[in-house]
Amino acid sequence: MGASDMDRMEHHTHHAHGEHGEHGHNHGTASASWPMAAQATLHCLTGCAIGEILGMAIGTALAWHNAPTMILAIVLAFVFGYALTMRGVLRAGLGLRSALRVALAADTVSIAVMELVDNGTLLLFPGAMDATLSDALFWLSLALSFAVAFAITTPVNKWMIGRGKGHAVVHQYH
């Protein structure tokens, strides 16, 4: 990260917490609203869903077993989650290396929680891991797993944003 990128990030960080009314301070932490947390979670869910569906489609099409298919889906969920964040911060003028660092800081915990929950839900859902792309069970269990992951990850994101972490890091570039 170049000095100018660091200066710009530091400048934005200082202003992001003091200039926006929705980011008021509360005992040294920024307050986070539920809509803000839900928006951050929806952003993560979008990247995760793209990656997961693509990974499951590839694994199923190649007749892979469940474990490698799930690993591919998780890897792609992280890739697409980070890519969506990087797209926005690159547009805001950050260099590639800085944009990657912002994406890692903004999304890693959120995507990890989301992946743990949604894949855990799929593992617990009877028959979901054996369903194919043409089965309604595949799509229903996937939709349920995303809904459960959204419900559990939103409070995590609210807590992190309230402490100036997670999507609070990237919010300044929007």
N, C-alpha and C. Protein backbone atom coordinates (compact mmCIF):
# COMPACT_ATOMS: atom_id res chain seq x y z
N MET A 1 0.86 -1.16 0.00
CA MET A 1 0.00 0.00 0.00
C MET A 1 0.91 1.22 0.00
N GLY A 2 0.68 2.10 -0.94
CA GLY A 2 1.48 3.31 -1.02
C GLY A 2 1.12 4.30 0.06
N ALA A 3 2.02 5.24 0.30
CA ALA A 3 1.80 6.24 1.34
C ALA A 3 0.54 7.06 1.05
N SER A 4 0.31 7.39 -0.22
CA SER A 4 -0.88 8.18 -0.54
C SER A 4 -2.15 7.40 -0.26
N ASP A 5 -2.16 6.08 -0.55
CA ASP A 5 -3.32 5.26 -0.24
C ASP A 5 -3.56 5.20 1.26
N MET A 6 -2.47 5.03 2.03
CA MET A 6 -2.61 4.97 3.49
C MET A 6 -3.12 6.30 4.03
N ASP A 7 -2.57 7.41 3.53
CA ASP A 7 -3.04 8.72 3.97
C ASP A 7 -4.51 8.90 3.65
N ARG A 8 -4.90 8.48 2.43
CA ARG A 8 -6.29 8.63 2.03
C ARG A 8 -7.19 7.77 2.92
N MET A 9 -6.77 6.52 3.20
CA MET A 9 -7.57 5.65 4.06
C MET A 9 -7.68 6.23 5.46
N GLU A 10 -6.56 6.74 5.99
CA GLU A 10 -6.59 7.32 7.32
C GLU A 10 -7.49 8.55 7.34
N HIS A 11 -7.37 9.39 6.31
CA HIS A 11 -8.20 10.59 6.20
C HIS A 11 -9.67 10.20 6.17
N HIS A 12 -10.02 9.19 5.33
CA HIS A 12 -11.40 8.76 5.23
C HIS A 12 -11.87 8.14 6.53
N THR A 13 -11.03 7.37 7.19
CA THR A 13 -11.42 6.73 8.44
C THR A 13 -11.77 7.76 9.49
N HIS A 14 -10.96 8.79 9.61
CA HIS A 14 -11.24 9.82 10.61
C HIS A 14 -12.53 10.54 10.28
N HIS A 15 -12.78 10.81 9.03
CA HIS A 15 -13.97 11.55 8.66
C HIS A 15 -15.21 10.67 8.65
N ALA A 16 -15.06 9.40 8.36
CA ALA A 16 -16.21 8.52 8.26
C ALA A 16 -16.95 8.41 9.58
N HIS A 17 -16.23 8.48 10.67
CA HIS A 17 -16.88 8.33 11.97
C HIS A 17 -17.40 9.64 12.54
N GLY A 18 -16.87 10.73 12.09
CA GLY A 18 -17.29 11.99 12.68
C GLY A 18 -18.28 12.78 11.86
N GLU A 19 -18.38 12.55 10.55
CA GLU A 19 -19.19 13.40 9.73
C GLU A 19 -20.57 12.84 9.42
N HIS A 20 -20.80 11.58 9.61
CA HIS A 20 -22.08 10.98 9.28
C HIS A 20 -22.89 10.79 10.55
N GLY A 21 -24.08 11.35 10.56
CA GLY A 21 -24.93 11.26 11.74
C GLY A 21 -25.24 9.84 12.14
N GLU A 22 -25.36 8.94 11.17
CA GLU A 22 -25.70 7.57 11.49
C GLU A 22 -24.54 6.81 12.12
N HIS A 23 -23.37 7.42 12.17
CA HIS A 23 -22.20 6.78 12.76
C HIS A 23 -21.79 7.48 14.04
N GLY A 24 -22.74 7.91 14.83
CA GLY A 24 -22.40 8.63 16.04
C GLY A 24 -21.58 7.79 16.99
N HIS A 25 -20.96 8.42 17.95
CA HIS A 25 -20.10 7.69 18.88
C HIS A 25 -20.86 7.30 20.13
N ASN A 26 -20.49 6.16 20.65
CA ASN A 26 -21.08 5.64 21.87
C ASN A 26 -19.97 4.96 22.65
N HIS A 27 -19.43 5.66 23.62
CA HIS A 27 -18.33 5.13 24.43
C HIS A 27 -17.17 4.65 23.57
N GLY A 28 -16.81 5.44 22.58
CA GLY A 28 -15.66 5.13 21.76
C GLY A 28 -15.95 4.21 20.59
N THR A 29 -17.21 3.80 20.43
CA THR A 29 -17.56 2.96 19.29
C THR A 29 -18.63 3.64 18.47
N ALA A 30 -18.67 3.37 17.19
CA ALA A 30 -19.68 3.93 16.31
C ALA A 30 -20.96 3.11 16.47
N SER A 31 -22.11 3.79 16.46
CA SER A 31 -23.37 3.05 16.52
C SER A 31 -23.67 2.50 15.14
N ALA A 32 -24.34 1.39 15.11
CA ALA A 32 -24.70 0.76 13.85
C ALA A 32 -26.19 0.46 13.88
N SER A 33 -26.88 0.82 12.83
CA SER A 33 -28.31 0.54 12.76
C SER A 33 -28.54 -0.86 12.19
N TRP A 34 -29.71 -1.39 12.46
CA TRP A 34 -30.06 -2.70 11.90
C TRP A 34 -30.15 -2.64 10.38
N PRO A 35 -30.73 -1.57 9.80
CA PRO A 35 -30.72 -1.51 8.32
C PRO A 35 -29.31 -1.48 7.73
N MET A 36 -28.39 -0.80 8.38
CA MET A 36 -27.01 -0.75 7.91
C MET A 36 -26.39 -2.15 7.98
N ALA A 37 -26.64 -2.86 9.07
CA ALA A 37 -26.11 -4.22 9.22
C ALA A 37 -26.75 -5.16 8.21
N ALA A 38 -28.05 -5.01 7.98
CA ALA A 38 -28.73 -5.86 7.00
C ALA A 38 -28.20 -5.60 5.59
N GLN A 39 -27.92 -4.34 5.27
CA GLN A 39 -27.38 -4.01 3.96
C GLN A 39 -25.99 -4.63 3.78
N ALA A 40 -25.15 -4.54 4.82
CA ALA A 40 -23.82 -5.15 4.76
C ALA A 40 -23.93 -6.67 4.59
N THR A 41 -24.87 -7.27 5.31
CA THR A 41 -25.06 -8.71 5.23
C THR A 41 -25.59 -9.12 3.85
N LEU A 42 -26.50 -8.33 3.32
CA LEU A 42 -27.02 -8.61 1.98
C LEU A 42 -25.92 -8.52 0.93
N HIS A 43 -25.02 -7.56 1.12
CA HIS A 43 -23.88 -7.43 0.21
C HIS A 43 -23.03 -8.70 0.26
N CYS A 44 -22.73 -9.16 1.46
CA CYS A 44 -21.94 -10.39 1.62
C CYS A 44 -22.70 -11.59 1.07
N LEU A 45 -23.99 -11.65 1.34
CA LEU A 45 -24.80 -12.77 0.89
C LEU A 45 -24.82 -12.84 -0.64
N THR A 46 -24.81 -11.71 -1.30
CA THR A 46 -24.81 -11.69 -2.76
C THR A 46 -23.56 -12.37 -3.30
N GLY A 47 -22.40 -11.96 -2.80
CA GLY A 47 -21.15 -12.58 -3.24
C GLY A 47 -21.09 -14.05 -2.88
N CYS A 48 -21.53 -14.37 -1.67
CA CYS A 48 -21.52 -15.77 -1.23
C CYS A 48 -22.45 -16.62 -2.10
N ALA A 49 -23.63 -16.10 -2.39
CA ALA A 49 -24.59 -16.86 -3.18
C ALA A 49 -24.06 -17.12 -4.59
N ILE A 50 -23.48 -16.10 -5.21
CA ILE A 50 -22.92 -16.28 -6.55
C ILE A 50 -21.85 -17.37 -6.51
N GLY A 51 -20.93 -17.26 -5.57
CA GLY A 51 -19.85 -18.24 -5.46
C GLY A 51 -20.34 -19.63 -5.12
N GLU A 52 -21.26 -19.72 -4.18
CA GLU A 52 -21.77 -21.03 -3.76
C GLU A 52 -22.52 -21.72 -4.89
N ILE A 53 -23.40 -20.99 -5.53
CA ILE A 53 -24.19 -21.60 -6.60
C ILE A 53 -23.27 -22.03 -7.75
N LEU A 54 -22.33 -21.17 -8.11
CA LEU A 54 -21.39 -21.51 -9.17
C LEU A 54 -20.55 -22.74 -8.78
N GLY A 55 -20.05 -22.75 -7.54
CA GLY A 55 -19.25 -23.89 -7.07
C GLY A 55 -20.05 -25.18 -7.05
N MET A 56 -21.29 -25.11 -6.58
CA MET A 56 -22.13 -26.32 -6.54
C MET A 56 -22.49 -26.77 -7.95
N ALA A 57 -22.74 -25.82 -8.84
CA ALA A 57 -23.07 -26.19 -10.22
C ALA A 57 -21.88 -26.86 -10.89
N ILE A 58 -20.69 -26.32 -10.68
CA ILE A 58 -19.48 -26.91 -11.27
C ILE A 58 -19.23 -28.30 -10.68
N GLY A 59 -19.27 -28.40 -9.36
CA GLY A 59 -19.03 -29.68 -8.70
C GLY A 59 -20.05 -30.74 -9.10
N THR A 60 -21.31 -30.34 -9.20
CA THR A 60 -22.36 -31.27 -9.59
C THR A 60 -22.19 -31.69 -11.05
N ALA A 61 -21.91 -30.72 -11.91
CA ALA A 61 -21.73 -31.01 -13.35
C ALA A 61 -20.55 -31.95 -13.59
N LEU A 62 -19.52 -31.82 -12.75
CA LEU A 62 -18.33 -32.67 -12.90
C LEU A 62 -18.45 -33.98 -12.10
N ALA A 63 -19.61 -34.18 -11.48
CA ALA A 63 -19.89 -35.38 -10.68
C ALA A 63 -18.90 -35.55 -9.53
N TRP A 64 -18.49 -34.42 -8.93
CA TRP A 64 -17.60 -34.48 -7.78
C TRP A 64 -18.38 -34.94 -6.55
N HIS A 65 -17.68 -35.44 -5.58
CA HIS A 65 -18.28 -35.79 -4.29
C HIS A 65 -18.59 -34.51 -3.53
N ASN A 66 -19.29 -34.68 -2.42
CA ASN A 66 -19.75 -33.52 -1.65
C ASN A 66 -18.62 -32.65 -1.12
N ALA A 67 -17.58 -33.25 -0.58
CA ALA A 67 -16.51 -32.46 0.05
C ALA A 67 -15.80 -31.53 -0.94
N PRO A 68 -15.31 -32.02 -2.07
CA PRO A 68 -14.66 -31.09 -3.00
C PRO A 68 -15.62 -30.05 -3.57
N THR A 69 -16.88 -30.43 -3.77
CA THR A 69 -17.86 -29.47 -4.27
C THR A 69 -18.08 -28.35 -3.25
N MET A 70 -18.19 -28.73 -1.98
CA MET A 70 -18.40 -27.74 -0.93
C MET A 70 -17.17 -26.84 -0.78
N ILE A 71 -15.99 -27.42 -0.87
CA ILE A 71 -14.75 -26.62 -0.77
C ILE A 71 -14.69 -25.60 -1.91
N LEU A 72 -15.00 -26.05 -3.14
CA LEU A 72 -15.01 -25.13 -4.27
C LEU A 72 -16.04 -24.02 -4.06
N ALA A 73 -17.22 -24.38 -3.59
CA ALA A 73 -18.28 -23.40 -3.36
C ALA A 73 -17.85 -22.37 -2.31
N ILE A 74 -17.19 -22.81 -1.25
CA ILE A 74 -16.72 -21.90 -0.20
C ILE A 74 -15.63 -20.98 -0.74
N VAL A 75 -14.68 -21.54 -1.46
CA VAL A 75 -13.61 -20.71 -2.04
C VAL A 75 -14.20 -19.66 -2.97
N LEU A 76 -15.12 -20.08 -3.83
CA LEU A 76 -15.74 -19.12 -4.75
C LEU A 76 -16.60 -18.09 -4.03
N ALA A 77 -17.21 -18.48 -2.92
CA ALA A 77 -17.98 -17.51 -2.13
C ALA A 77 -17.07 -16.39 -1.61
N PHE A 78 -15.91 -16.76 -1.11
CA PHE A 78 -14.95 -15.74 -0.66
C PHE A 78 -14.47 -14.89 -1.84
N VAL A 79 -14.15 -15.54 -2.95
CA VAL A 79 -13.65 -14.80 -4.13
C VAL A 79 -14.68 -13.78 -4.60
N PHE A 80 -15.92 -14.21 -4.76
CA PHE A 80 -16.95 -13.28 -5.24
C PHE A 80 -17.32 -12.24 -4.19
N GLY A 81 -17.32 -12.62 -2.91
CA GLY A 81 -17.58 -11.64 -1.85
C GLY A 81 -16.54 -10.54 -1.84
N TYR A 82 -15.28 -10.92 -1.89
CA TYR A 82 -14.20 -9.93 -1.94
C TYR A 82 -14.26 -9.11 -3.23
N ALA A 83 -14.57 -9.77 -4.35
CA ALA A 83 -14.60 -9.08 -5.64
C ALA A 83 -15.67 -7.99 -5.66
N LEU A 84 -16.83 -8.26 -5.06
CA LEU A 84 -17.88 -7.23 -5.03
C LEU A 84 -17.43 -6.01 -4.24
N THR A 85 -16.78 -6.23 -3.13
CA THR A 85 -16.28 -5.11 -2.33
C THR A 85 -15.17 -4.37 -3.08
N MET A 86 -14.27 -5.12 -3.66
CA MET A 86 -13.15 -4.49 -4.38
C MET A 86 -13.65 -3.65 -5.55
N ARG A 87 -14.68 -4.11 -6.22
CA ARG A 87 -15.24 -3.35 -7.35
C ARG A 87 -15.62 -1.94 -6.91
N GLY A 88 -16.28 -1.84 -5.76
CA GLY A 88 -16.71 -0.54 -5.27
C GLY A 88 -15.56 0.35 -4.84
N VAL A 89 -14.59 -0.21 -4.13
CA VAL A 89 -13.49 0.63 -3.64
C VAL A 89 -12.51 0.96 -4.76
N LEU A 90 -12.40 0.11 -5.76
CA LEU A 90 -11.57 0.47 -6.92
C LEU A 90 -12.20 1.65 -7.66
N ARG A 91 -13.53 1.65 -7.76
CA ARG A 91 -14.23 2.78 -8.37
C ARG A 91 -14.03 4.07 -7.58
N ALA A 92 -13.85 3.92 -6.28
CA ALA A 92 -13.63 5.10 -5.43
C ALA A 92 -12.22 5.63 -5.54
N GLY A 93 -11.36 4.94 -6.29
CA GLY A 93 -10.02 5.45 -6.56
C GLY A 93 -8.89 4.76 -5.83
N LEU A 94 -9.17 3.74 -5.06
CA LEU A 94 -8.09 3.02 -4.37
C LEU A 94 -7.35 2.13 -5.36
N GLY A 95 -6.06 1.93 -5.12
CA GLY A 95 -5.27 1.01 -5.93
C GLY A 95 -5.66 -0.43 -5.64
N LEU A 96 -5.22 -1.34 -6.48
CA LEU A 96 -5.59 -2.75 -6.37
C LEU A 96 -5.19 -3.36 -5.03
N ARG A 97 -3.96 -3.13 -4.59
CA ARG A 97 -3.48 -3.70 -3.32
C ARG A 97 -4.28 -3.14 -2.14
N SER A 98 -4.52 -1.84 -2.15
CA SER A 98 -5.30 -1.23 -1.07
C SER A 98 -6.74 -1.72 -1.09
N ALA A 99 -7.31 -1.87 -2.29
CA ALA A 99 -8.68 -2.36 -2.41
C ALA A 99 -8.79 -3.78 -1.85
N LEU A 100 -7.79 -4.61 -2.12
CA LEU A 100 -7.79 -5.96 -1.58
C LEU A 100 -7.72 -5.93 -0.06
N ARG A 101 -6.88 -5.09 0.49
CA ARG A 101 -6.77 -4.99 1.95
C ARG A 101 -8.08 -4.52 2.58
N VAL A 102 -8.74 -3.57 1.94
CA VAL A 102 -10.04 -3.10 2.44
C VAL A 102 -11.06 -4.23 2.38
N ALA A 103 -11.09 -4.96 1.27
CA ALA A 103 -12.03 -6.07 1.13
C ALA A 103 -11.78 -7.15 2.18
N LEU A 104 -10.52 -7.47 2.41
CA LEU A 104 -10.19 -8.48 3.44
C LEU A 104 -10.66 -8.02 4.81
N ALA A 105 -10.41 -6.75 5.13
CA ALA A 105 -10.81 -6.22 6.44
C ALA A 105 -12.33 -6.12 6.56
N ALA A 106 -12.98 -5.78 5.47
CA ALA A 106 -14.42 -5.56 5.51
C ALA A 106 -15.22 -6.86 5.53
N ASP A 107 -14.75 -7.86 4.82
CA ASP A 107 -15.61 -9.01 4.55
C ASP A 107 -15.22 -10.34 5.17
N THR A 108 -14.01 -10.51 5.63
CA THR A 108 -13.55 -11.83 6.04
C THR A 108 -14.41 -12.46 7.13
N VAL A 109 -14.67 -11.74 8.19
CA VAL A 109 -15.45 -12.32 9.29
C VAL A 109 -16.88 -12.58 8.84
N SER A 110 -17.47 -11.62 8.14
CA SER A 110 -18.84 -11.77 7.68
C SER A 110 -18.99 -12.97 6.75
N ILE A 111 -18.11 -13.10 5.77
CA ILE A 111 -18.19 -14.23 4.84
C ILE A 111 -17.93 -15.54 5.59
N ALA A 112 -16.98 -15.55 6.50
CA ALA A 112 -16.67 -16.78 7.24
C ALA A 112 -17.88 -17.24 8.06
N VAL A 113 -18.52 -16.31 8.76
CA VAL A 113 -19.72 -16.67 9.54
C VAL A 113 -20.81 -17.17 8.60
N MET A 114 -21.02 -16.43 7.51
CA MET A 114 -22.05 -16.81 6.56
C MET A 114 -21.79 -18.21 5.99
N GLU A 115 -20.57 -18.49 5.62
CA GLU A 115 -20.23 -19.79 5.04
C GLU A 115 -20.39 -20.91 6.07
N LEU A 116 -19.95 -20.66 7.28
CA LEU A 116 -20.10 -21.66 8.34
C LEU A 116 -21.57 -21.98 8.56
N VAL A 117 -22.39 -20.96 8.64
CA VAL A 117 -23.82 -21.16 8.92
C VAL A 117 -24.53 -21.78 7.73
N ASP A 118 -24.30 -21.24 6.54
CA ASP A 118 -25.09 -21.78 5.42
C ASP A 118 -24.65 -23.20 5.06
N ASN A 119 -23.37 -23.49 5.13
CA ASN A 119 -22.93 -24.86 4.85
C ASN A 119 -23.32 -25.81 5.96
N GLY A 120 -23.29 -25.33 7.19
CA GLY A 120 -23.77 -26.14 8.31
C GLY A 120 -25.24 -26.48 8.17
N THR A 121 -26.03 -25.49 7.73
CA THR A 121 -27.46 -25.72 7.51
C THR A 121 -27.67 -26.77 6.42
N LEU A 122 -26.90 -26.65 5.33
CA LEU A 122 -27.01 -27.64 4.25
C LEU A 122 -26.66 -29.05 4.73
N LEU A 123 -25.63 -29.13 5.56
CA LEU A 123 -25.23 -30.44 6.08
C LEU A 123 -26.30 -31.06 6.97
N LEU A 124 -27.04 -30.21 7.69
CA LEU A 124 -28.08 -30.70 8.60
C LEU A 124 -29.41 -30.96 7.89
N PHE A 125 -29.61 -30.37 6.74
CA PHE A 125 -30.87 -30.50 6.01
C PHE A 125 -30.92 -31.90 5.36
N PRO A 126 -31.87 -32.73 5.75
CA PRO A 126 -31.92 -34.11 5.23
C PRO A 126 -31.99 -34.16 3.70
N GLY A 127 -31.04 -34.84 3.09
CA GLY A 127 -31.02 -35.05 1.65
C GLY A 127 -30.43 -33.92 0.82
N ALA A 128 -30.15 -32.80 1.43
CA ALA A 128 -29.68 -31.63 0.67
C ALA A 128 -28.35 -31.90 -0.02
N MET A 129 -27.46 -32.59 0.63
CA MET A 129 -26.13 -32.81 0.05
C MET A 129 -26.16 -33.81 -1.11
N ASP A 130 -27.23 -34.57 -1.21
CA ASP A 130 -27.34 -35.53 -2.31
C ASP A 130 -28.24 -35.03 -3.43
N ALA A 131 -28.85 -33.87 -3.24
CA ALA A 131 -29.75 -33.32 -4.27
C ALA A 131 -28.92 -32.78 -5.44
N THR A 132 -29.48 -32.85 -6.62
CA THR A 132 -28.82 -32.32 -7.81
C THR A 132 -29.45 -30.99 -8.20
N LEU A 133 -28.85 -30.32 -9.15
CA LEU A 133 -29.33 -29.00 -9.58
C LEU A 133 -30.77 -29.05 -10.10
N SER A 134 -31.21 -30.18 -10.59
CA SER A 134 -32.57 -30.29 -11.13
C SER A 134 -33.60 -30.63 -10.05
N ASP A 135 -33.16 -30.88 -8.82
CA ASP A 135 -34.07 -31.21 -7.72
C ASP A 135 -34.55 -29.95 -7.01
N ALA A 136 -35.84 -29.90 -6.72
CA ALA A 136 -36.38 -28.77 -5.95
C ALA A 136 -35.73 -28.72 -4.57
N LEU A 137 -35.41 -29.88 -4.02
CA LEU A 137 -34.77 -29.94 -2.70
C LEU A 137 -33.46 -29.18 -2.69
N PHE A 138 -32.69 -29.26 -3.77
CA PHE A 138 -31.43 -28.52 -3.86
C PHE A 138 -31.67 -27.03 -3.65
N TRP A 139 -32.61 -26.48 -4.41
CA TRP A 139 -32.87 -25.04 -4.38
C TRP A 139 -33.57 -24.60 -3.08
N LEU A 140 -34.47 -25.43 -2.56
CA LEU A 140 -35.14 -25.10 -1.30
C LEU A 140 -34.17 -25.10 -0.13
N SER A 141 -33.32 -26.12 -0.07
CA SER A 141 -32.36 -26.20 1.03
C SER A 141 -31.33 -25.07 0.92
N LEU A 142 -30.94 -24.72 -0.29
CA LEU A 142 -30.01 -23.62 -0.49
C LEU A 142 -30.64 -22.30 -0.05
N ALA A 143 -31.89 -22.07 -0.44
CA ALA A 143 -32.59 -20.84 -0.05
C ALA A 143 -32.73 -20.77 1.47
N LEU A 144 -33.07 -21.89 2.10
CA LEU A 144 -33.18 -21.92 3.56
C LEU A 144 -31.82 -21.63 4.20
N SER A 145 -30.76 -22.23 3.66
CA SER A 145 -29.43 -22.03 4.25
C SER A 145 -29.00 -20.56 4.14
N PHE A 146 -29.34 -19.90 3.02
CA PHE A 146 -29.01 -18.48 2.87
C PHE A 146 -29.83 -17.64 3.84
N ALA A 147 -31.10 -17.98 4.04
CA ALA A 147 -31.94 -17.23 4.98
C ALA A 147 -31.42 -17.36 6.41
N VAL A 148 -31.05 -18.56 6.80
CA VAL A 148 -30.50 -18.79 8.15
C VAL A 148 -29.18 -18.02 8.30
N ALA A 149 -28.33 -18.10 7.27
CA ALA A 149 -27.04 -17.40 7.32
C ALA A 149 -27.25 -15.89 7.43
N PHE A 150 -28.21 -15.35 6.70
CA PHE A 150 -28.51 -13.92 6.77
C PHE A 150 -28.95 -13.54 8.17
N ALA A 151 -29.85 -14.33 8.75
CA ALA A 151 -30.38 -14.04 10.08
C ALA A 151 -29.30 -14.07 11.16
N ILE A 152 -28.35 -14.96 11.03
CA ILE A 152 -27.29 -15.08 12.05
C ILE A 152 -26.15 -14.09 11.80
N THR A 153 -25.86 -13.81 10.53
CA THR A 153 -24.74 -12.92 10.22
C THR A 153 -25.08 -11.45 10.42
N THR A 154 -26.33 -11.07 10.28
CA THR A 154 -26.71 -9.65 10.44
C THR A 154 -26.33 -9.11 11.83
N PRO A 155 -26.64 -9.79 12.93
CA PRO A 155 -26.20 -9.27 14.23
C PRO A 155 -24.68 -9.21 14.37
N VAL A 156 -23.98 -10.16 13.75
CA VAL A 156 -22.52 -10.14 13.77
C VAL A 156 -22.02 -8.88 13.07
N ASN A 157 -22.58 -8.59 11.90
CA ASN A 157 -22.19 -7.38 11.17
C ASN A 157 -22.54 -6.12 11.95
N LYS A 158 -23.69 -6.11 12.60
CA LYS A 158 -24.08 -4.94 13.41
C LYS A 158 -23.07 -4.70 14.52
N TRP A 159 -22.68 -5.77 15.18
CA TRP A 159 -21.70 -5.67 16.27
C TRP A 159 -20.37 -5.15 15.72
N MET A 160 -19.93 -5.69 14.58
CA MET A 160 -18.64 -5.28 14.02
C MET A 160 -18.67 -3.84 13.53
N ILE A 161 -19.72 -3.46 12.82
CA ILE A 161 -19.84 -2.08 12.33
C ILE A 161 -19.85 -1.12 13.51
N GLY A 162 -20.52 -1.48 14.58
CA GLY A 162 -20.59 -0.66 15.78
C GLY A 162 -19.24 -0.44 16.44
N ARG A 163 -18.28 -1.27 16.10
CA ARG A 163 -16.92 -1.14 16.63
C ARG A 163 -15.94 -0.64 15.58
N GLY A 164 -16.49 -0.14 14.45
CA GLY A 164 -15.64 0.41 13.40
C GLY A 164 -14.92 -0.65 12.59
N LYS A 165 -15.43 -1.88 12.63
CA LYS A 165 -14.80 -3.00 11.91
C LYS A 165 -15.75 -3.49 10.81
N GLY A 166 -15.32 -4.51 10.09
CA GLY A 166 -16.18 -5.10 9.05
C GLY A 166 -16.53 -4.08 7.99
N HIS A 167 -17.80 -4.01 7.67
CA HIS A 167 -18.24 -3.10 6.60
C HIS A 167 -18.09 -1.64 6.96
N ALA A 168 -17.83 -1.31 8.20
CA ALA A 168 -17.53 0.09 8.55
C ALA A 168 -16.26 0.55 7.84
N VAL A 169 -15.35 -0.37 7.58
CA VAL A 169 -14.10 -0.08 6.91
C VAL A 169 -14.35 0.35 5.46
N VAL A 170 -15.33 -0.28 4.81
CA VAL A 170 -15.58 0.00 3.41
C VAL A 170 -16.65 1.07 3.21
N HIS A 171 -17.45 1.33 4.22
CA HIS A 171 -18.57 2.26 4.10
C HIS A 171 -18.12 3.65 3.65
N GLN A 172 -16.96 4.03 4.05
CA GLN A 172 -16.44 5.36 3.71
C GLN A 172 -16.22 5.55 2.21
N TYR A 173 -16.13 4.47 1.45
CA TYR A 173 -15.88 4.56 0.01
C TYR A 173 -17.15 4.55 -0.81
N HIS A 174 -18.29 4.41 -0.16
CA HIS A 174 -19.56 4.38 -0.89
C HIS A 174 -20.12 5.77 -1.01
